[in-house]
Amino acid sequence: MIKYILVFILCILVLSGCAAKSNPMEDTPMDDAEKPAGFWLGLWHGMIVLLTLIISIFKSSVGIYEVHNSGLWYNIGFVLGALIIYGGSSGTACRTGKSS
């Protein structure tokens, strides 16, 4: 039993490292030296979207979507990241059960 509690606490600590922060760059133009968020950052944002959504409910300064992004590639990464973490249709395909 203690092993499960320790694993649970470890998971909570790891997930807390994924916490989102506010985006001070919202409603401001980008500098020439900055690059917009691309595929890889979109993939990461898609993976942590549920945690970010929960945080954005309590903090109005946190958004789930990067305002300075590269467009299509960021969107593809975002959706792919959400599908990788939250299952898509693979959860249904992997289930096995007895048919009565």
PDB file of N, CA and C in Angstrom:
ATOM      1  N   MET A   1       0.825  -1.199   0.000  1.00  0.00           N
ATOM      2  CA  MET A   1       0.000   0.000   0.000  1.00  0.00           C
ATOM      3  C   MET A   1       0.865   1.257   0.000  1.00  0.00           C
ATOM      4  N   ILE A   2       1.936   1.236   0.763  1.00  0.00           N
ATOM      5  CA  ILE A   2       2.814   2.403   0.854  1.00  0.00           C
ATOM      6  C   ILE A   2       3.462   2.685  -0.500  1.00  0.00           C
ATOM      7  N   LYS A   3       3.716   1.604  -1.257  1.00  0.00           N
ATOM      8  CA  LYS A   3       4.322   1.748  -2.578  1.00  0.00           C
ATOM      9  C   LYS A   3       3.407   2.547  -3.505  1.00  0.00           C
ATOM     10  N   TYR A   4       2.103   2.287  -3.457  1.00  0.00           N
ATOM     11  CA  TYR A   4       1.146   2.996  -4.297  1.00  0.00           C
ATOM     12  C   TYR A   4       1.047   4.473  -3.911  1.00  0.00           C
ATOM     13  N   ILE A   5       1.120   4.739  -2.631  1.00  0.00           N
ATOM     14  CA  ILE A   5       1.077   6.127  -2.161  1.00  0.00           C
ATOM     15  C   ILE A   5       2.309   6.883  -2.642  1.00  0.00           C
ATOM     16  N   LEU A   6       3.473   6.244  -2.558  1.00  0.00           N
ATOM     17  CA  LEU A   6       4.704   6.895  -3.018  1.00  0.00           C
ATOM     18  C   LEU A   6       4.679   7.134  -4.531  1.00  0.00           C
ATOM     19  N   VAL A   7       4.158   6.181  -5.287  1.00  0.00           N
ATOM     20  CA  VAL A   7       4.049   6.355  -6.735  1.00  0.00           C
ATOM     21  C   VAL A   7       3.081   7.493  -7.051  1.00  0.00           C
ATOM     22  N   PHE A   8       1.977   7.567  -6.318  1.00  0.00           N
ATOM     23  CA  PHE A   8       1.006   8.645  -6.510  1.00  0.00           C
ATOM     24  C   PHE A   8       1.643  10.005  -6.227  1.00  0.00           C
ATOM     25  N   ILE A   9       2.357  10.111  -5.138  1.00  0.00           N
ATOM     26  CA  ILE A   9       3.024  11.373  -4.784  1.00  0.00           C
ATOM     27  C   ILE A   9       4.062  11.736  -5.828  1.00  0.00           C
ATOM     28  N   LEU A  10       4.807  10.763  -6.312  1.00  0.00           N
ATOM     29  CA  LEU A  10       5.794  11.012  -7.361  1.00  0.00           C
ATOM     30  C   LEU A  10       5.123  11.524  -8.637  1.00  0.00           C
ATOM     31  N   CYS A  11       4.011  10.911  -8.991  1.00  0.00           N
ATOM     32  CA  CYS A  11       3.276  11.370 -10.187  1.00  0.00           C
ATOM     33  C   CYS A  11       2.782  12.800 -10.018  1.00  0.00           C
ATOM     34  N   ILE A  12       2.277  13.137  -8.854  1.00  0.00           N
ATOM     35  CA  ILE A  12       1.810  14.504  -8.588  1.00  0.00           C
ATOM     36  C   ILE A  12       2.976  15.483  -8.700  1.00  0.00           C
ATOM     37  N   LEU A  13       4.124  15.135  -8.156  1.00  0.00           N
ATOM     38  CA  LEU A  13       5.289  16.018  -8.232  1.00  0.00           C
ATOM     39  C   LEU A  13       5.770  16.202  -9.668  1.00  0.00           C
ATOM     40  N   VAL A  14       5.769  15.127 -10.440  1.00  0.00           N
ATOM     41  CA  VAL A  14       6.191  15.222 -11.844  1.00  0.00           C
ATOM     42  C   VAL A  14       5.210  16.085 -12.625  1.00  0.00           C
ATOM     43  N   LEU A  15       3.924  15.874 -12.408  1.00  0.00           N
ATOM     44  CA  LEU A  15       2.920  16.668 -13.125  1.00  0.00           C
ATOM     45  C   LEU A  15       2.934  18.136 -12.704  1.00  0.00           C
ATOM     46  N   SER A  16       3.315  18.421 -11.481  1.00  0.00           N
ATOM     47  CA  SER A  16       3.367  19.820 -11.054  1.00  0.00           C
ATOM     48  C   SER A  16       4.460  20.589 -11.795  1.00  0.00           C
ATOM     49  N   GLY A  17       5.436  19.891 -12.326  1.00  0.00           N
ATOM     50  CA  GLY A  17       6.464  20.530 -13.136  1.00  0.00           C
ATOM     51  C   GLY A  17       5.951  20.952 -14.499  1.00  0.00           C
ATOM     52  N   CYS A  18       4.775  20.480 -14.863  1.00  0.00           N
ATOM     53  CA  CYS A  18       4.160  20.833 -16.146  1.00  0.00           C
ATOM     54  C   CYS A  18       3.235  22.037 -16.029  1.00  0.00           C
ATOM     55  N   ALA A  19       3.197  22.651 -14.881  1.00  0.00           N
ATOM     56  CA  ALA A  19       2.254  23.745 -14.648  1.00  0.00           C
ATOM     57  C   ALA A  19       2.501  24.898 -15.618  1.00  0.00           C
ATOM     58  N   ALA A  20       1.416  25.442 -16.080  1.00  0.00           N
ATOM     59  CA  ALA A  20       1.501  26.558 -17.023  1.00  0.00           C
ATOM     60  C   ALA A  20       1.721  27.868 -16.282  1.00  0.00           C
ATOM     61  N   LYS A  21       2.202  28.829 -17.012  1.00  0.00           N
ATOM     62  CA  LYS A  21       2.373  30.158 -16.436  1.00  0.00           C
ATOM     63  C   LYS A  21       1.705  31.173 -17.349  1.00  0.00           C
ATOM     64  N   SER A  22       1.562  32.366 -16.864  1.00  0.00           N
ATOM     65  CA  SER A  22       0.902  33.392 -17.663  1.00  0.00           C
ATOM     66  C   SER A  22       1.777  33.788 -18.842  1.00  0.00           C
ATOM     67  N   ASN A  23       1.158  34.302 -19.868  1.00  0.00           N
ATOM     68  CA  ASN A  23       1.868  34.719 -21.071  1.00  0.00           C
ATOM     69  C   ASN A  23       1.893  36.249 -21.123  1.00  0.00           C
ATOM     70  N   PRO A  24       2.997  36.852 -20.689  1.00  0.00           N
ATOM     71  CA  PRO A  24       3.063  38.314 -20.694  1.00  0.00           C
ATOM     72  C   PRO A  24       3.155  38.893 -22.106  1.00  0.00           C
ATOM     73  N   MET A  25       3.396  38.051 -23.100  1.00  0.00           N
ATOM     74  CA  MET A  25       3.545  38.528 -24.475  1.00  0.00           C
ATOM     75  C   MET A  25       2.207  38.640 -25.210  1.00  0.00           C
ATOM     76  N   GLU A  26       1.126  38.227 -24.572  1.00  0.00           N
ATOM     77  CA  GLU A  26      -0.174  38.319 -25.215  1.00  0.00           C
ATOM     78  C   GLU A  26      -0.501  39.786 -25.489  1.00  0.00           C
ATOM     79  N   ASP A  27      -1.056  40.059 -26.635  1.00  0.00           N
ATOM     80  CA  ASP A  27      -1.418  41.414 -27.084  1.00  0.00           C
ATOM     81  C   ASP A  27      -0.213  42.318 -27.286  1.00  0.00           C
ATOM     82  N   THR A  28       0.975  41.746 -27.478  1.00  0.00           N
ATOM     83  CA  THR A  28       2.159  42.536 -27.792  1.00  0.00           C
ATOM     84  C   THR A  28       2.789  41.970 -29.060  1.00  0.00           C
ATOM     85  N   PRO A  29       3.385  42.828 -29.878  1.00  0.00           N
ATOM     86  CA  PRO A  29       4.055  42.323 -31.088  1.00  0.00           C
ATOM     87  C   PRO A  29       5.337  41.585 -30.715  1.00  0.00           C
ATOM     88  N   MET A  30       5.721  40.640 -31.560  1.00  0.00           N
ATOM     89  CA  MET A  30       6.947  39.876 -31.323  1.00  0.00           C
ATOM     90  C   MET A  30       8.174  40.684 -31.712  1.00  0.00           C
ATOM     91  N   ASP A  31       9.274  40.451 -30.991  1.00  0.00           N
ATOM     92  CA  ASP A  31      10.558  41.024 -31.373  1.00  0.00           C
ATOM     93  C   ASP A  31      11.085  40.254 -32.580  1.00  0.00           C
ATOM     94  N   ASP A  32      11.987  40.866 -33.321  1.00  0.00           N
ATOM     95  CA  ASP A  32      12.560  40.194 -34.484  1.00  0.00           C
ATOM     96  C   ASP A  32      13.443  39.015 -34.084  1.00  0.00           C
ATOM     97  N   ALA A  33      14.018  39.047 -32.872  1.00  0.00           N
ATOM     98  CA  ALA A  33      14.913  37.983 -32.439  1.00  0.00           C
ATOM     99  C   ALA A  33      14.156  36.736 -31.973  1.00  0.00           C
ATOM    100  N   GLU A  34      12.887  36.878 -31.633  1.00  0.00           N
ATOM    101  CA  GLU A  34      12.120  35.739 -31.125  1.00  0.00           C
ATOM    102  C   GLU A  34      11.555  34.912 -32.263  1.00  0.00           C
ATOM    103  N   LYS A  35      11.451  33.627 -32.009  1.00  0.00           N
ATOM    104  CA  LYS A  35      10.825  32.732 -32.971  1.00  0.00           C
ATOM    105  C   LYS A  35       9.444  32.358 -32.453  1.00  0.00           C
ATOM    106  N   PRO A  36       8.470  32.260 -33.327  1.00  0.00           N
ATOM    107  CA  PRO A  36       7.148  31.829 -32.863  1.00  0.00           C
ATOM    108  C   PRO A  36       7.169  30.349 -32.485  1.00  0.00           C
ATOM    109  N   ALA A  37       6.231  29.953 -31.648  1.00  0.00           N
ATOM    110  CA  ALA A  37       6.143  28.551 -31.232  1.00  0.00           C
ATOM    111  C   ALA A  37       5.846  27.687 -32.447  1.00  0.00           C
ATOM    112  N   GLY A  38       6.587  26.611 -32.590  1.00  0.00           N
ATOM    113  CA  GLY A  38       6.419  25.719 -33.732  1.00  0.00           C
ATOM    114  C   GLY A  38       5.852  24.372 -33.334  1.00  0.00           C
ATOM    115  N   PHE A  39       6.158  23.365 -34.123  1.00  0.00           N
ATOM    116  CA  PHE A  39       5.604  22.025 -33.947  1.00  0.00           C
ATOM    117  C   PHE A  39       5.922  21.438 -32.577  1.00  0.00           C
ATOM    118  N   TRP A  40       7.179  21.493 -32.143  1.00  0.00           N
ATOM    119  CA  TRP A  40       7.581  20.825 -30.906  1.00  0.00           C
ATOM    120  C   TRP A  40       6.948  21.470 -29.680  1.00  0.00           C
ATOM    121  N   LEU A  41       6.868  22.789 -29.669  1.00  0.00           N
ATOM    122  CA  LEU A  41       6.211  23.450 -28.541  1.00  0.00           C
ATOM    123  C   LEU A  41       4.706  23.199 -28.584  1.00  0.00           C
ATOM    124  N   GLY A  42       4.140  23.121 -29.784  1.00  0.00           N
ATOM    125  CA  GLY A  42       2.728  22.760 -29.915  1.00  0.00           C
ATOM    126  C   GLY A  42       2.461  21.355 -29.395  1.00  0.00           C
ATOM    127  N   LEU A  43       3.383  20.431 -29.668  1.00  0.00           N
ATOM    128  CA  LEU A  43       3.263  19.057 -29.171  1.00  0.00           C
ATOM    129  C   LEU A  43       3.252  19.054 -27.645  1.00  0.00           C
ATOM    130  N   TRP A  44       4.164  19.798 -27.040  1.00  0.00           N
ATOM    131  CA  TRP A  44       4.237  19.885 -25.581  1.00  0.00           C
ATOM    132  C   TRP A  44       2.972  20.518 -25.011  1.00  0.00           C
ATOM    133  N   HIS A  45       2.509  21.609 -25.621  1.00  0.00           N
ATOM    134  CA  HIS A  45       1.301  22.272 -25.130  1.00  0.00           C
ATOM    135  C   HIS A  45       0.085  21.355 -25.250  1.00  0.00           C
ATOM    136  N   GLY A  46       0.035  20.540 -26.284  1.00  0.00           N
ATOM    137  CA  GLY A  46      -1.051  19.572 -26.421  1.00  0.00           C
ATOM    138  C   GLY A  46      -1.010  18.517 -25.334  1.00  0.00           C
ATOM    139  N   MET A  47       0.188  18.120 -24.925  1.00  0.00           N
ATOM    140  CA  MET A  47       0.325  17.102 -23.890  1.00  0.00           C
ATOM    141  C   MET A  47      -0.110  17.613 -22.517  1.00  0.00           C
ATOM    142  N   ILE A  48       0.091  18.892 -22.249  1.00  0.00           N
ATOM    143  CA  ILE A  48      -0.250  19.430 -20.925  1.00  0.00           C
ATOM    144  C   ILE A  48      -1.538  20.242 -20.954  1.00  0.00           C
ATOM    145  N   VAL A  49      -2.352  20.078 -21.997  1.00  0.00           N
ATOM    146  CA  VAL A  49      -3.537  20.916 -22.164  1.00  0.00           C
ATOM    147  C   VAL A  49      -4.539  20.741 -21.021  1.00  0.00           C
ATOM    148  N   LEU A  50      -4.727  19.546 -20.500  1.00  0.00           N
ATOM    149  CA  LEU A  50      -5.695  19.344 -19.425  1.00  0.00           C
ATOM    150  C   LEU A  50      -5.267  20.067 -18.157  1.00  0.00           C
ATOM    151  N   LEU A  51      -3.997  19.934 -17.805  1.00  0.00           N
ATOM    152  CA  LEU A  51      -3.475  20.628 -16.629  1.00  0.00           C
ATOM    153  C   LEU A  51      -3.556  22.145 -16.816  1.00  0.00           C
ATOM    154  N   THR A  52      -3.225  22.610 -17.993  1.00  0.00           N
ATOM    155  CA  THR A  52      -3.292  24.043 -18.273  1.00  0.00           C
ATOM    156  C   THR A  52      -4.725  24.548 -18.234  1.00  0.00           C
ATOM    157  N   LEU A  53      -5.663  23.753 -18.716  1.00  0.00           N
ATOM    158  CA  LEU A  53      -7.071  24.133 -18.676  1.00  0.00           C
ATOM    159  C   LEU A  53      -7.548  24.296 -17.245  1.00  0.00           C
ATOM    160  N   ILE A  54      -7.171  23.375 -16.381  1.00  0.00           N
ATOM    161  CA  ILE A  54      -7.568  23.466 -14.971  1.00  0.00           C
ATOM    162  C   ILE A  54      -6.987  24.714 -14.330  1.00  0.00           C
ATOM    163  N   ILE A  55      -5.725  25.005 -14.612  1.00  0.00           N
ATOM    164  CA  ILE A  55      -5.091  26.205 -14.051  1.00  0.00           C
ATOM    165  C   ILE A  55      -5.755  27.466 -14.602  1.00  0.00           C
ATOM    166  N   SER A  56      -6.111  27.461 -15.891  1.00  0.00           N
ATOM    167  CA  SER A  56      -6.713  28.660 -16.493  1.00  0.00           C
ATOM    168  C   SER A  56      -8.089  28.968 -15.931  1.00  0.00           C
ATOM    169  N   ILE A  57      -8.748  27.986 -15.335  1.00  0.00           N
ATOM    170  CA  ILE A  57     -10.040  28.233 -14.697  1.00  0.00           C
ATOM    171  C   ILE A  57      -9.865  29.136 -13.486  1.00  0.00           C
ATOM    172  N   PHE A  58      -8.770  28.961 -12.761  1.00  0.00           N
ATOM    173  CA  PHE A  58      -8.539  29.715 -11.537  1.00  0.00           C
ATOM    174  C   PHE A  58      -7.676  30.965 -11.735  1.00  0.00           C
ATOM    175  N   LYS A  59      -6.908  31.015 -12.814  1.00  0.00           N
ATOM    176  CA  LYS A  59      -6.057  32.180 -13.085  1.00  0.00           C
ATOM    177  C   LYS A  59      -6.382  32.708 -14.472  1.00  0.00           C
ATOM    178  N   SER A  60      -6.878  33.911 -14.547  1.00  0.00           N
ATOM    179  CA  SER A  60      -7.279  34.471 -15.839  1.00  0.00           C
ATOM    180  C   SER A  60      -6.085  34.825 -16.726  1.00  0.00           C
ATOM    181  N   SER A  61      -4.902  34.896 -16.159  1.00  0.00           N
ATOM    182  CA  SER A  61      -3.731  35.262 -16.953  1.00  0.00           C
ATOM    183  C   SER A  61      -3.112  34.072 -17.683  1.00  0.00           C
ATOM    184  N   VAL A  62      -3.620  32.859 -17.450  1.00  0.00           N
ATOM    185  CA  VAL A  62      -3.074  31.649 -18.071  1.00  0.00           C
ATOM    186  C   VAL A  62      -3.992  31.216 -19.205  1.00  0.00           C
ATOM    187  N   GLY A  63      -3.399  30.978 -20.378  1.00  0.00           N
ATOM    188  CA  GLY A  63      -4.153  30.482 -21.514  1.00  0.00           C
ATOM    189  C   GLY A  63      -3.630  29.122 -21.944  1.00  0.00           C
ATOM    190  N   ILE A  64      -4.438  28.360 -22.674  1.00  0.00           N
ATOM    191  CA  ILE A  64      -4.005  27.025 -23.070  1.00  0.00           C
ATOM    192  C   ILE A  64      -3.364  27.021 -24.450  1.00  0.00           C
ATOM    193  N   TYR A  65      -3.322  28.152 -25.099  1.00  0.00           N
ATOM    194  CA  TYR A  65      -2.851  28.221 -26.487  1.00  0.00           C
ATOM    195  C   TYR A  65      -1.827  29.331 -26.610  1.00  0.00           C
ATOM    196  N   GLU A  66      -0.694  29.057 -27.235  1.00  0.00           N
ATOM    197  CA  GLU A  66       0.359  30.062 -27.420  1.00  0.00           C
ATOM    198  C   GLU A  66      -0.092  31.080 -28.455  1.00  0.00           C
ATOM    199  N   VAL A  67      -0.071  32.354 -28.089  1.00  0.00           N
ATOM    200  CA  VAL A  67      -0.556  33.386 -29.007  1.00  0.00           C
ATOM    201  C   VAL A  67       0.418  33.668 -30.142  1.00  0.00           C
ATOM    202  N   HIS A  68       1.702  33.485 -29.920  1.00  0.00           N
ATOM    203  CA  HIS A  68       2.696  33.694 -30.973  1.00  0.00           C
ATOM    204  C   HIS A  68       3.144  32.330 -31.490  1.00  0.00           C
ATOM    205  N   ASN A  69       2.425  31.804 -32.485  1.00  0.00           N
ATOM    206  CA  ASN A  69       2.764  30.482 -33.004  1.00  0.00           C
ATOM    207  C   ASN A  69       2.961  30.546 -34.504  1.00  0.00           C
ATOM    208  N   SER A  70       3.479  29.443 -35.043  1.00  0.00           N
ATOM    209  CA  SER A  70       3.814  29.401 -36.465  1.00  0.00           C
ATOM    210  C   SER A  70       2.640  28.980 -37.342  1.00  0.00           C
ATOM    211  N   GLY A  71       1.479  28.829 -36.770  1.00  0.00           N
ATOM    212  CA  GLY A  71       0.296  28.506 -37.558  1.00  0.00           C
ATOM    213  C   GLY A  71       0.041  27.020 -37.655  1.00  0.00           C
ATOM    214  N   LEU A  72       0.024  26.499 -38.869  1.00  0.00           N
ATOM    215  CA  LEU A  72      -0.362  25.112 -39.110  1.00  0.00           C
ATOM    216  C   LEU A  72       0.487  24.113 -38.339  1.00  0.00           C
ATOM    217  N   TRP A  73       1.802  24.288 -38.332  1.00  0.00           N
ATOM    218  CA  TRP A  73       2.660  23.307 -37.649  1.00  0.00           C
ATOM    219  C   TRP A  73       2.434  23.309 -36.143  1.00  0.00           C
ATOM    220  N   TYR A  74       2.206  24.477 -35.551  1.00  0.00           N
ATOM    221  CA  TYR A  74       1.887  24.528 -34.123  1.00  0.00           C
ATOM    222  C   TYR A  74       0.568  23.810 -33.863  1.00  0.00           C
ATOM    223  N   ASN A  75      -0.429  24.057 -34.698  1.00  0.00           N
ATOM    224  CA  ASN A  75      -1.743  23.425 -34.527  1.00  0.00           C
ATOM    225  C   ASN A  75      -1.653  21.906 -34.650  1.00  0.00           C
ATOM    226  N   ILE A  76      -0.893  21.419 -35.622  1.00  0.00           N
ATOM    227  CA  ILE A  76      -0.727  19.973 -35.797  1.00  0.00           C
ATOM    228  C   ILE A  76      -0.047  19.375 -34.563  1.00  0.00           C
ATOM    229  N   GLY A  77       0.999  20.021 -34.063  1.00  0.00           N
ATOM    230  CA  GLY A  77       1.676  19.541 -32.862  1.00  0.00           C
ATOM    231  C   GLY A  77       0.762  19.547 -31.654  1.00  0.00           C
ATOM    232  N   PHE A  78      -0.049  20.586 -31.520  1.00  0.00           N
ATOM    233  CA  PHE A  78      -0.974  20.709 -30.393  1.00  0.00           C
ATOM    234  C   PHE A  78      -1.977  19.559 -30.392  1.00  0.00           C
ATOM    235  N   VAL A  79      -2.594  19.317 -31.523  1.00  0.00           N
ATOM    236  CA  VAL A  79      -3.597  18.249 -31.622  1.00  0.00           C
ATOM    237  C   VAL A  79      -2.937  16.879 -31.462  1.00  0.00           C
ATOM    238  N   LEU A  80      -1.794  16.679 -32.070  1.00  0.00           N
ATOM    239  CA  LEU A  80      -1.085  15.405 -31.955  1.00  0.00           C
ATOM    240  C   LEU A  80      -0.675  15.135 -30.510  1.00  0.00           C
ATOM    241  N   GLY A  81      -0.190  16.155 -29.811  1.00  0.00           N
ATOM    242  CA  GLY A  81       0.186  15.996 -28.406  1.00  0.00           C
ATOM    243  C   GLY A  81      -1.004  15.627 -27.542  1.00  0.00           C
ATOM    244  N   ALA A  82      -2.143  16.254 -27.791  1.00  0.00           N
ATOM    245  CA  ALA A  82      -3.347  15.915 -27.035  1.00  0.00           C
ATOM    246  C   ALA A  82      -3.790  14.487 -27.340  1.00  0.00           C
ATOM    247  N   LEU A  83      -3.681  14.074 -28.592  1.00  0.00           N
ATOM    248  CA  LEU A  83      -4.070  12.705 -28.952  1.00  0.00           C
ATOM    249  C   LEU A  83      -3.134  11.669 -28.354  1.00  0.00           C
ATOM    250  N   ILE A  84      -1.845  11.972 -28.306  1.00  0.00           N
ATOM    251  CA  ILE A  84      -0.871  11.028 -27.753  1.00  0.00           C
ATOM    252  C   ILE A  84      -1.158  10.783 -26.270  1.00  0.00           C
ATOM    253  N   ILE A  85      -1.380  11.841 -25.518  1.00  0.00           N
ATOM    254  CA  ILE A  85      -1.569  11.711 -24.078  1.00  0.00           C
ATOM    255  C   ILE A  85      -2.966  11.224 -23.724  1.00  0.00           C
ATOM    256  N   TYR A  86      -3.974  11.778 -24.373  1.00  0.00           N
ATOM    257  CA  TYR A  86      -5.352  11.507 -23.956  1.00  0.00           C
ATOM    258  C   TYR A  86      -6.015  10.416 -24.772  1.00  0.00           C
ATOM    259  N   GLY A  87      -5.269   9.685 -25.585  1.00  0.00           N
ATOM    260  CA  GLY A  87      -5.744   8.418 -26.100  1.00  0.00           C
ATOM    261  C   GLY A  87      -6.256   8.355 -27.511  1.00  0.00           C
ATOM    262  N   GLY A  88      -7.030   9.295 -27.949  1.00  0.00           N
ATOM    263  CA  GLY A  88      -7.641   9.135 -29.254  1.00  0.00           C
ATOM    264  C   GLY A  88      -8.531   7.911 -29.260  1.00  0.00           C
ATOM    265  N   SER A  89      -8.452   7.098 -30.268  1.00  0.00           N
ATOM    266  CA  SER A  89      -9.285   5.901 -30.338  1.00  0.00           C
ATOM    267  C   SER A  89      -8.544   4.644 -29.905  1.00  0.00           C
ATOM    268  N   SER A  90      -7.292   4.759 -29.496  1.00  0.00           N
ATOM    269  CA  SER A  90      -6.518   3.566 -29.156  1.00  0.00           C
ATOM    270  C   SER A  90      -7.025   2.881 -27.888  1.00  0.00           C
ATOM    271  N   GLY A  91      -7.622   3.622 -26.982  1.00  0.00           N
ATOM    272  CA  GLY A  91      -8.134   3.026 -25.752  1.00  0.00           C
ATOM    273  C   GLY A  91      -9.243   2.034 -26.031  1.00  0.00           C
ATOM    274  N   THR A  92     -10.085   2.322 -26.996  1.00  0.00           N
ATOM    275  CA  THR A  92     -11.166   1.417 -27.360  1.00  0.00           C
ATOM    276  C   THR A  92     -10.622   0.197 -28.083  1.00  0.00           C
ATOM    277  N   ALA A  93      -9.631   0.378 -28.919  1.00  0.00           N
ATOM    278  CA  ALA A  93      -9.081  -0.723 -29.699  1.00  0.00           C
ATOM    279  C   ALA A  93      -8.320  -1.717 -28.829  1.00  0.00           C
ATOM    280  N   CYS A  94      -7.767  -1.270 -27.727  1.00  0.00           N
ATOM    281  CA  CYS A  94      -6.952  -2.148 -26.882  1.00  0.00           C
ATOM    282  C   CYS A  94      -7.757  -2.927 -25.865  1.00  0.00           C
ATOM    283  N   ARG A  95      -8.997  -2.572 -25.672  1.00  0.00           N
ATOM    284  CA  ARG A  95      -9.808  -3.252 -24.668  1.00  0.00           C
ATOM    285  C   ARG A  95     -10.164  -4.663 -25.134  1.00  0.00           C
ATOM    286  N   THR A  96     -10.039  -5.584 -24.218  1.00  0.00           N
ATOM    287  CA  THR A  96     -10.471  -6.936 -24.500  1.00  0.00           C
ATOM    288  C   THR A  96     -11.471  -7.337 -23.451  1.00  0.00           C
ATOM    289  N   GLY A  97     -12.434  -8.047 -23.847  1.00  0.00           N
ATOM    290  CA  GLY A  97     -13.447  -8.472 -22.892  1.00  0.00           C
ATOM    291  C   GLY A  97     -14.191  -9.671 -23.425  1.00  0.00           C
ATOM    292  N   LYS A  98     -14.916 -10.291 -22.541  1.00  0.00           N
ATOM    293  CA  LYS A  98     -15.698 -11.450 -22.942  1.00  0.00           C
ATOM    294  C   LYS A  98     -17.020 -10.971 -23.522  1.00  0.00           C
ATOM    295  N   SER A  99     -17.367 -11.477 -24.642  1.00  0.00           N
ATOM    296  CA  SER A  99     -18.672 -11.157 -25.192  1.00  0.00           C
ATOM    297  C   SER A  99     -19.668 -12.197 -24.735  1.00  0.00           C
ATOM    298  N   SER A 100     -20.802 -11.735 -24.296  1.00  0.00           N
ATOM    299  CA  SER A 100     -21.806 -12.663 -23.764  1.00  0.00           C
ATOM    300  C   SER A 100     -22.828 -13.040 -24.787  1.00  0.00           C
TER     301      SER A 100
END
